[in-house]
Protein backbone atom coordinates (compact mmCIF):
# COMPACT_ATOMS: atom_id res chain seq x y z
CA UNK A 1 0.03 -0.13 -0.01
CA UNK A 2 1.39 3.39 -1.02
CA UNK A 3 2.23 5.54 2.02
CA UNK A 4 0.33 8.97 2.24
CA UNK A 5 1.81 12.44 1.82
CA UNK A 6 2.75 13.48 5.24
CA UNK A 7 1.52 16.83 5.41
CA UNK A 8 -2.01 15.40 4.27
CA UNK A 9 -1.54 13.06 6.89
CA UNK A 10 -1.35 15.61 9.53
CA UNK A 11 -3.71 17.86 7.47
CA UNK A 12 -1.40 21.05 7.44
CA UNK A 13 -0.03 22.87 4.40
CA UNK A 14 3.67 22.17 3.33
CA UNK A 15 4.65 25.71 4.10
CA UNK A 16 3.35 24.71 7.92
CA UNK A 17 5.03 25.84 11.15
CA UNK A 18 6.83 23.15 13.78
CA UNK A 19 4.20 24.85 15.92
CA UNK A 20 1.15 24.18 13.56
CA UNK A 21 2.77 20.54 13.12
CA UNK A 22 2.65 19.69 16.72
CA UNK A 23 -0.88 20.74 17.48
CA UNK A 24 -2.25 19.06 14.23
CA UNK A 25 -0.34 15.61 15.46
CA UNK A 26 -1.38 16.40 19.07
CA UNK A 27 -5.08 16.46 17.65
CA UNK A 28 -4.67 13.47 16.00
CA UNK A 29 -2.56 11.57 18.74
CA UNK A 30 -5.74 11.96 20.91
CA UNK A 31 -8.20 11.08 18.53
CA UNK A 32 -6.49 7.75 17.49
CA UNK A 33 -4.57 7.13 20.41
CA UNK A 34 -5.11 3.12 21.35
CA UNK A 35 -6.33 3.72 24.35
CA UNK A 36 -9.38 5.67 23.22
CA UNK A 37 -9.92 2.92 20.89
CA UNK A 38 -9.64 -0.16 22.53
CA UNK A 39 -9.43 -3.23 19.77
CA UNK A 40 -9.79 -0.91 16.36
CA UNK A 41 -6.57 -1.94 14.52
CA UNK A 42 -7.75 0.72 11.84
CA UNK A 43 -7.42 3.61 14.89
CA UNK A 44 -3.73 2.22 15.91
CA UNK A 45 -2.59 2.40 12.18
CA UNK A 46 -3.84 6.04 12.13
CA UNK A 47 -2.00 6.75 15.04
CA UNK A 48 1.24 5.31 13.86
CA UNK A 49 0.63 7.12 10.66
CA UNK A 50 0.30 10.32 12.29
CA UNK A 51 3.28 9.53 14.53
CA UNK A 52 6.01 8.93 11.59
CA UNK A 53 4.49 12.19 9.72
CA UNK A 54 5.40 13.90 13.07
CA UNK A 55 8.77 12.74 13.13
CA UNK A 56 9.59 13.27 9.93
CA UNK A 57 8.18 16.86 9.49
CA UNK A 58 9.13 18.07 13.01
CA UNK A 59 13.09 17.66 12.57
CA UNK A 60 14.24 20.26 9.80
CA UNK A 61 16.77 17.97 8.13
CA UNK A 62 14.50 15.14 7.73
CA UNK A 63 11.78 17.42 6.39
CA UNK A 64 13.98 19.09 4.13
CA UNK A 65 15.10 15.63 3.02
CA UNK A 66 11.28 14.37 2.61
CA UNK A 67 10.23 17.79 0.39
CA UNK A 68 13.32 17.17 -1.81
CA UNK A 69 12.89 13.23 -2.46
CA UNK A 70 9.54 12.23 -0.85
CA UNK A 71 9.19 9.10 1.21
CA UNK A 72 12.22 7.40 -0.36
CA UNK A 73 14.39 10.38 0.96
CA UNK A 74 13.86 10.20 4.55
CA UNK A 75 13.57 6.28 4.52
CA UNK A 76 17.11 5.52 3.07
CA UNK A 77 18.36 7.97 6.18
CA UNK A 78 20.38 6.27 9.03
CA UNK A 79 17.75 8.10 11.38
CA UNK A 80 14.68 6.51 9.86
CA UNK A 81 12.18 4.97 12.55
CA UNK A 82 9.65 2.58 10.97
CA UNK A 83 6.88 3.39 13.33
CA UNK A 84 4.40 0.90 11.83
CA UNK A 85 6.18 -1.87 13.11
CA UNK A 86 6.18 -0.19 16.74
CA UNK A 87 4.21 -0.79 19.81
CA UNK A 88 1.98 1.53 20.69
CA UNK A 89 3.20 1.52 24.29
CA UNK A 90 6.68 2.05 22.68
CA UNK A 91 5.71 5.21 21.02
CA UNK A 92 3.88 6.08 24.09
CA UNK A 93 7.16 5.95 26.08
CA UNK A 94 9.68 7.68 23.83
CA UNK A 95 7.32 10.54 22.76
CA UNK A 96 6.47 11.40 26.92
CA UNK A 97 10.02 11.90 27.17
CA UNK A 98 10.79 13.85 23.97
CA UNK A 99 7.91 16.22 24.03
CA UNK A 100 8.18 16.94 27.85
CA UNK A 101 7.05 20.47 28.15
CA UNK A 102 5.90 20.72 24.87
CA UNK A 103 2.18 21.18 26.10
CA UNK A 104 2.58 22.22 29.59
CA UNK A 105 3.75 18.56 30.18
CA UNK A 106 3.98 15.32 28.16
CA UNK A 107 2.05 15.75 24.96
CA UNK A 108 -0.45 12.89 26.18
CA UNK A 109 -0.46 13.75 29.80
CA UNK A 110 -3.63 15.75 29.82
CA UNK A 111 -5.77 13.26 28.22
CA UNK A 112 -3.91 10.07 29.54
CA UNK A 113 -2.45 11.00 32.80
CA UNK A 114 1.30 10.55 33.93
CA UNK A 115 3.81 8.06 32.62
CA UNK A 116 3.78 6.53 35.63
CA UNK A 117 0.10 6.15 36.29
CA UNK A 118 0.00 4.76 33.08
CA UNK A 119 2.93 2.15 32.98
CA UNK A 120 1.04 0.81 35.73
CA UNK A 121 -2.47 0.07 33.92
CA UNK A 122 -0.21 -1.26 31.07
CA UNK A 123 1.32 -4.29 33.02
CA UNK A 124 -0.14 -3.78 36.73
CA UNK A 125 3.42 -3.56 37.99
CA UNK A 126 5.89 -0.72 38.63
CA UNK A 127 7.62 0.36 35.24
CA UNK A 128 10.78 2.64 36.20
CA UNK A 129 11.48 6.39 34.64
CA UNK A 130 12.74 6.41 31.33
CA UNK A 131 16.44 7.17 30.96
CA UNK A 132 17.30 10.44 29.76
CA UNK A 133 19.03 10.96 26.46
CA UNK A 134 22.61 11.78 25.50
CA UNK A 135 24.33 13.50 22.74
CA UNK A 136 28.02 13.47 21.51
CA UNK A 137 29.83 14.90 18.60
CA UNK A 138 31.88 12.85 15.99
CA UNK A 139 34.84 14.49 13.93
CA UNK A 140 34.83 12.94 10.30
CA UNK A 141 36.94 14.15 7.14
CA UNK A 142 35.57 14.80 3.73
CA UNK A 143 37.13 11.11 2.91
CA UNK A 144 35.27 9.25 5.51
CA UNK A 145 32.19 11.24 4.43
CA UNK A 146 32.60 9.95 0.95
CA UNK A 147 32.85 6.49 1.57
CA UNK A 148 30.96 6.00 4.96
CA UNK A 149 32.57 5.35 8.06
CA UNK A 150 32.07 3.11 11.06
CA UNK A 151 33.28 4.59 14.29
CA UNK A 152 33.88 3.31 17.82
CA UNK A 153 33.08 6.00 20.70
CA UNK A 154 33.62 5.71 24.35
CA UNK A 155 30.31 6.87 26.15
CA UNK A 156 29.90 7.52 29.95
CA UNK A 157 26.31 6.82 30.61
CA UNK A 158 24.14 5.36 33.76
CA UNK A 159 24.15 1.74 33.18
CA UNK A 160 21.99 -0.95 34.81
CA UNK A 161 23.11 -2.28 37.99
CA UNK A 162 23.88 -5.85 37.63
CA UNK A 163 24.28 -6.03 41.09
CA UNK A 164 20.20 -5.68 41.88
CA UNK A 165 19.49 -6.12 37.80
CA UNK A 166 17.99 -2.71 37.92
CA UNK A 167 15.43 -3.24 40.44
CA UNK A 168 17.39 -0.95 43.03
CA UNK A 169 16.71 -3.49 45.75
CA UNK A 170 19.16 -5.61 47.51
CA UNK A 171 19.25 -9.44 45.95
CA UNK A 172 16.15 -11.12 47.78
CA UNK A 173 14.25 -8.14 49.12
CA UNK A 174 11.78 -7.12 46.48
CA UNK A 175 9.27 -4.46 46.82
CA UNK A 176 6.33 -3.94 48.75
CA UNK A 177 3.25 -1.76 48.26
CA UNK A 178 3.75 1.93 49.10
CA UNK A 179 1.38 2.16 52.53
CA UNK A 180 1.25 5.90 51.30
CA UNK A 181 -1.05 5.40 48.46
CA UNK A 182 -1.70 1.73 48.84
CA UNK A 183 -0.44 1.03 45.74
CA UNK A 184 -1.97 3.94 43.40
CA UNK A 185 0.86 5.88 42.91
CA UNK A 186 -1.36 8.76 43.55
CA UNK A 187 -2.62 10.93 46.47
CA UNK A 188 -6.44 11.92 46.36
CA UNK A 189 -7.09 14.71 48.38
CA UNK A 190 -10.84 16.12 48.49
CA UNK A 191 -11.77 19.86 49.45
CA UNK A 192 -15.20 20.72 49.86
CA UNK A 193 -16.18 24.24 48.86
CA UNK A 194 -19.73 26.26 48.43
CA UNK A 195 -19.56 25.39 44.80
CA UNK A 196 -19.05 21.46 45.54
CA UNK A 197 -16.45 18.91 46.32
CA UNK A 198 -13.10 19.11 43.77
CA UNK A 199 -10.49 16.13 44.12
CA UNK A 200 -6.78 17.15 43.59
CA UNK A 201 -4.87 14.16 42.51
CA UNK A 202 -1.02 14.30 42.96
CA UNK A 203 2.02 11.94 42.35
CA UNK A 204 2.65 9.65 45.77
CA UNK A 205 5.91 11.72 47.07
CA UNK A 206 6.86 8.15 48.73
CA UNK A 207 6.96 5.86 45.69
CA UNK A 208 7.35 8.54 43.10
CA UNK A 209 4.30 7.30 41.50
CA UNK A 210 5.22 3.47 40.77
CA UNK A 211 3.13 2.32 43.79
CA UNK A 212 5.95 -0.17 45.17
CA UNK A 213 8.79 0.72 47.82
CA UNK A 214 11.96 -0.93 47.99
CA UNK A 215 12.16 -3.43 51.24
CA UNK A 216 16.05 -3.20 51.59
CA UNK A 217 18.04 -0.88 48.89
CA UNK A 218 20.51 -2.10 46.80
CA UNK A 219 24.19 -1.17 48.85
CA UNK A 220 25.84 -0.77 45.24
CA UNK A 221 23.32 1.51 43.42
CA UNK A 222 21.79 3.16 46.49
CA UNK A 223 18.36 1.97 45.07
CA UNK A 224 18.51 3.67 42.06
CA UNK A 225 18.90 0.77 40.01
CA UNK A 226 21.75 1.93 37.95
CA UNK A 227 25.13 3.51 38.07
CA UNK A 228 27.96 5.42 35.94
CA UNK A 229 30.01 3.19 33.66
CA UNK A 230 31.51 3.59 30.72
CA UNK A 231 30.96 1.48 27.01
CA UNK A 232 32.36 1.78 23.76
CA UNK A 233 29.47 1.66 20.81
CA UNK A 234 29.94 1.25 17.35
CA UNK A 235 28.58 3.92 15.47
CA UNK A 236 27.95 3.05 11.34
CA UNK A 237 28.01 6.52 9.50
CA UNK A 238 26.53 6.57 6.15
CA UNK A 239 28.26 7.95 2.84
CA UNK A 240 27.42 11.71 2.04
CA UNK A 241 26.19 13.11 5.78
CA UNK A 242 27.05 16.67 6.40
CA UNK A 243 27.87 18.83 9.59
CA UNK A 244 25.12 19.11 11.81
CA UNK A 245 23.12 15.91 10.48
CA UNK A 246 22.52 13.53 13.21
CA UNK A 247 21.86 9.75 14.12
CA UNK A 248 19.67 8.47 16.67
CA UNK A 249 20.59 5.34 18.32
CA UNK A 250 17.77 3.89 20.01
CA UNK A 251 18.08 2.36 23.53
CA UNK A 252 22.03 3.72 23.91
CA UNK A 253 21.59 6.69 26.20
CA UNK A 254 21.28 6.52 30.24
CA UNK A 255 19.59 3.78 31.66
CA UNK A 256 16.12 4.45 33.63
CA UNK A 257 15.89 4.48 36.90
CA UNK A 258 14.68 1.18 38.95
CA UNK A 259 14.79 -0.83 35.80
CA UNK A 260 13.35 1.66 33.07
CA UNK A 261 14.00 1.84 29.33
CA UNK A 262 16.92 3.65 28.11
CA UNK A 263 17.24 6.65 26.78
CA UNK A 264 18.60 7.55 23.10
CA UNK A 265 22.29 8.16 22.25
CA UNK A 266 22.03 11.23 19.61
CA UNK A 267 25.30 11.30 17.15
CA UNK A 268 26.15 14.92 16.08
CA UNK A 269 28.41 14.90 12.91
CA UNK A 270 31.03 17.64 12.74
CA UNK A 271 32.92 18.29 9.50
CA UNK A 272 36.78 18.70 9.83
CA UNK A 273 38.12 21.65 7.82
CA UNK A 274 39.92 20.25 4.64
CA UNK A 275 43.41 21.12 3.56
CA UNK A 276 42.76 21.24 -0.16
CA UNK A 277 38.99 21.07 -0.57
CA UNK A 278 35.79 23.20 0.06
CA UNK A 279 32.28 21.65 0.58
CA UNK A 280 29.57 23.21 -1.85
CA UNK A 281 26.58 20.59 -0.93
CA UNK A 282 27.80 17.38 -2.44
CA UNK A 283 30.09 19.18 -4.83
CA UNK A 284 33.68 19.82 -3.54
CA UNK A 285 35.77 23.01 -4.93
CA UNK A 286 39.43 22.96 -5.37
CA UNK A 287 41.44 25.91 -5.83
CA UNK A 288 44.63 25.10 -8.83
CA UNK A 289 47.19 27.57 -9.20
CA UNK A 290 48.89 27.50 -13.05
CA UNK A 291 51.80 29.32 -13.98
CA UNK A 292 51.19 31.94 -17.03
CA UNK A 293 52.73 29.59 -19.35
CA UNK A 294 50.54 26.56 -18.28
CA UNK A 295 47.63 28.90 -18.88
CA UNK A 296 48.68 30.16 -22.03
CA UNK A 297 49.75 27.05 -23.39
CA UNK A 298 47.89 24.39 -21.94
CA UNK A 299 49.00 21.14 -20.18
CA UNK A 300 48.20 17.99 -18.14
CA UNK A 301 48.16 18.55 -14.27
CA UNK A 302 47.82 16.17 -11.55
CA UNK A 303 44.92 16.93 -9.00
CA UNK A 304 43.80 15.60 -5.57
CA UNK A 305 40.50 13.99 -5.25
CA UNK A 306 38.71 12.37 -2.64
CA UNK A 307 39.97 9.28 -3.45
CA UNK A 308 43.48 9.92 -4.62
CA UNK A 309 44.67 11.92 -7.49
CA UNK A 310 43.93 12.29 -11.31
CA UNK A 311 44.90 13.77 -14.18
CA UNK A 312 43.30 16.97 -15.64
CA UNK A 313 43.59 18.37 -19.09
CA UNK A 314 44.16 22.23 -19.21
CA UNK A 315 43.07 23.93 -22.52
CA UNK A 316 45.30 26.49 -24.20
CA UNK A 317 44.40 29.98 -23.13
CA UNK A 318 42.70 29.29 -19.94
CA UNK A 319 41.37 32.55 -18.16
CA UNK A 320 41.77 32.94 -14.30
CA UNK A 321 38.44 32.09 -12.51
CA UNK A 322 37.79 29.20 -14.99
CA UNK A 323 35.88 26.36 -13.58
CA UNK A 324 36.60 23.02 -14.84
CA UNK A 325 33.81 20.22 -13.55
CA UNK A 326 35.32 16.77 -12.70
CA UNK A 327 32.11 14.45 -13.02
CA UNK A 328 31.61 12.14 -10.08
CA UNK A 329 34.28 13.06 -7.76
CA UNK A 330 32.55 14.72 -4.96
CA UNK A 331 30.42 13.74 -2.40
CA UNK A 332 27.71 10.79 -2.78
CA UNK A 333 24.23 12.02 -2.29
CA UNK A 334 22.82 10.73 1.15
CA UNK A 335 19.35 9.92 0.38
CA UNK A 336 19.78 9.05 -3.71
CA UNK A 337 21.68 7.48 -6.25
CA UNK A 338 25.09 9.22 -7.79
CA UNK A 339 27.66 11.49 -6.78
CA UNK A 340 28.40 15.59 -6.52
CA UNK A 341 31.38 16.73 -9.00
CA UNK A 342 34.55 17.97 -7.86
CA UNK A 343 34.83 21.99 -9.08
CA UNK A 344 38.54 22.97 -10.19
CA UNK A 345 38.92 26.87 -9.99
CA UNK A 346 41.41 28.16 -12.15
CA UNK A 347 43.98 30.76 -10.68
CA UNK A 348 46.85 32.20 -12.71
CA UNK A 349 49.68 32.90 -10.58
CA UNK A 350 51.73 36.13 -10.75
CA UNK A 351 55.09 35.77 -9.51
CA UNK A 352 56.07 38.72 -7.04
CA UNK A 353 59.88 37.95 -7.32
CA UNK A 354 61.85 37.91 -10.70
CA UNK A 355 65.58 37.80 -11.57
CA UNK A 356 67.47 39.69 -14.68
CA UNK A 357 66.50 37.14 -17.01
CA UNK A 358 63.10 36.71 -15.93
CA UNK A 359 62.77 40.34 -16.42
CA UNK A 360 64.36 40.56 -19.97
CA UNK A 361 62.09 37.79 -21.19
CA UNK A 362 59.10 39.61 -19.64
CA UNK A 363 59.96 42.66 -21.41
CA UNK A 364 60.26 41.06 -24.82
CA UNK A 365 57.12 39.51 -24.72
CA UNK A 366 55.36 42.66 -23.47
CA UNK A 367 56.22 44.01 -26.93
CA UNK A 368 54.11 41.28 -28.43
CA UNK A 369 50.35 42.19 -29.59
CA UNK A 370 48.70 38.88 -28.73
CA UNK A 371 49.89 39.42 -24.91
CA UNK A 372 47.88 42.56 -24.42
CA UNK A 373 44.23 42.29 -23.21
CA UNK A 374 42.00 42.90 -26.26
CA UNK A 375 40.89 46.41 -24.66
CA UNK A 376 44.35 47.54 -24.97
CA UNK A 377 44.54 46.67 -28.58
CA UNK A 378 41.52 48.46 -29.41
CA UNK A 379 39.58 45.11 -29.39
CA UNK A 380 36.73 43.55 -27.21
CA UNK A 381 36.98 40.67 -28.71
């Protein structure tokens, strides 16, 4: 089945602002969320479809790729997530963290309640807090960007405590029902006024909303279920990325508190300055200095490329500022086939130091009408 246009899915125009996109997604998420449509497969699919559209259109880089290449442009990216195969509860868990504060709390909080309450409703047991995301930068040379590369990075993060297996409890002690909230995770206070009875519901301060408390805390992690560690992670970076692009490694962030799911690791690309080339999109620019005789007589020179050296033919009479194009010698297109080009800009070198012999030869040549600019010979041709 062919995917619908993301703008059509959210019901927004192609020039919609990020705020408009958020509002549109929020409306659809509440309309089609599985909790409001139990057993309705069509509603669940529409919820996932809206989620995928939001993830792409709310991200400037993904949105630009989508606007240029369509669905294929974002699907080929390393940071594309296929929400059609995701579990609805996983979507909630991820977005509950990402959108916190965007609409006065989680995007779903004002309809579905807090994340901790929802977690208990899903499984009937305590589910810890999701770990926070981490962000690191990786520096790449143009040569690495041209081929794609796999990098190993060391990341300091909160990892699951192996002593208590992330529960936060000493081995064999387990948890017990919170006596403050009787396992509900909420404190309800009833206030009677002249206008009627009001119920104020707050998260239980004793158990943090989980409904359970640890009998005997783990001495290694002090009941957190996680401790600081260092891990080596492999990051596979596709060819053609640009400075500022990022990849999202799901589940490689900080471990969640007391057995909660891990956050994500955001890997931001930093492009190192190259000694020879300047980048222009997927093209690279090289400045080639030629002597006057080479420019006037023509020649064949070797120039550097991203994958070695190559010969370039210089036609006689080439002018300074002329740009020669070496096809397919640039960077690969990230979201499509083919490569950019190498653009060689010609600069005719004018010497600043001359010996006596050089001066005599140049004075002799200066009298030749062929060496004078056309405008100096009374002609513009």
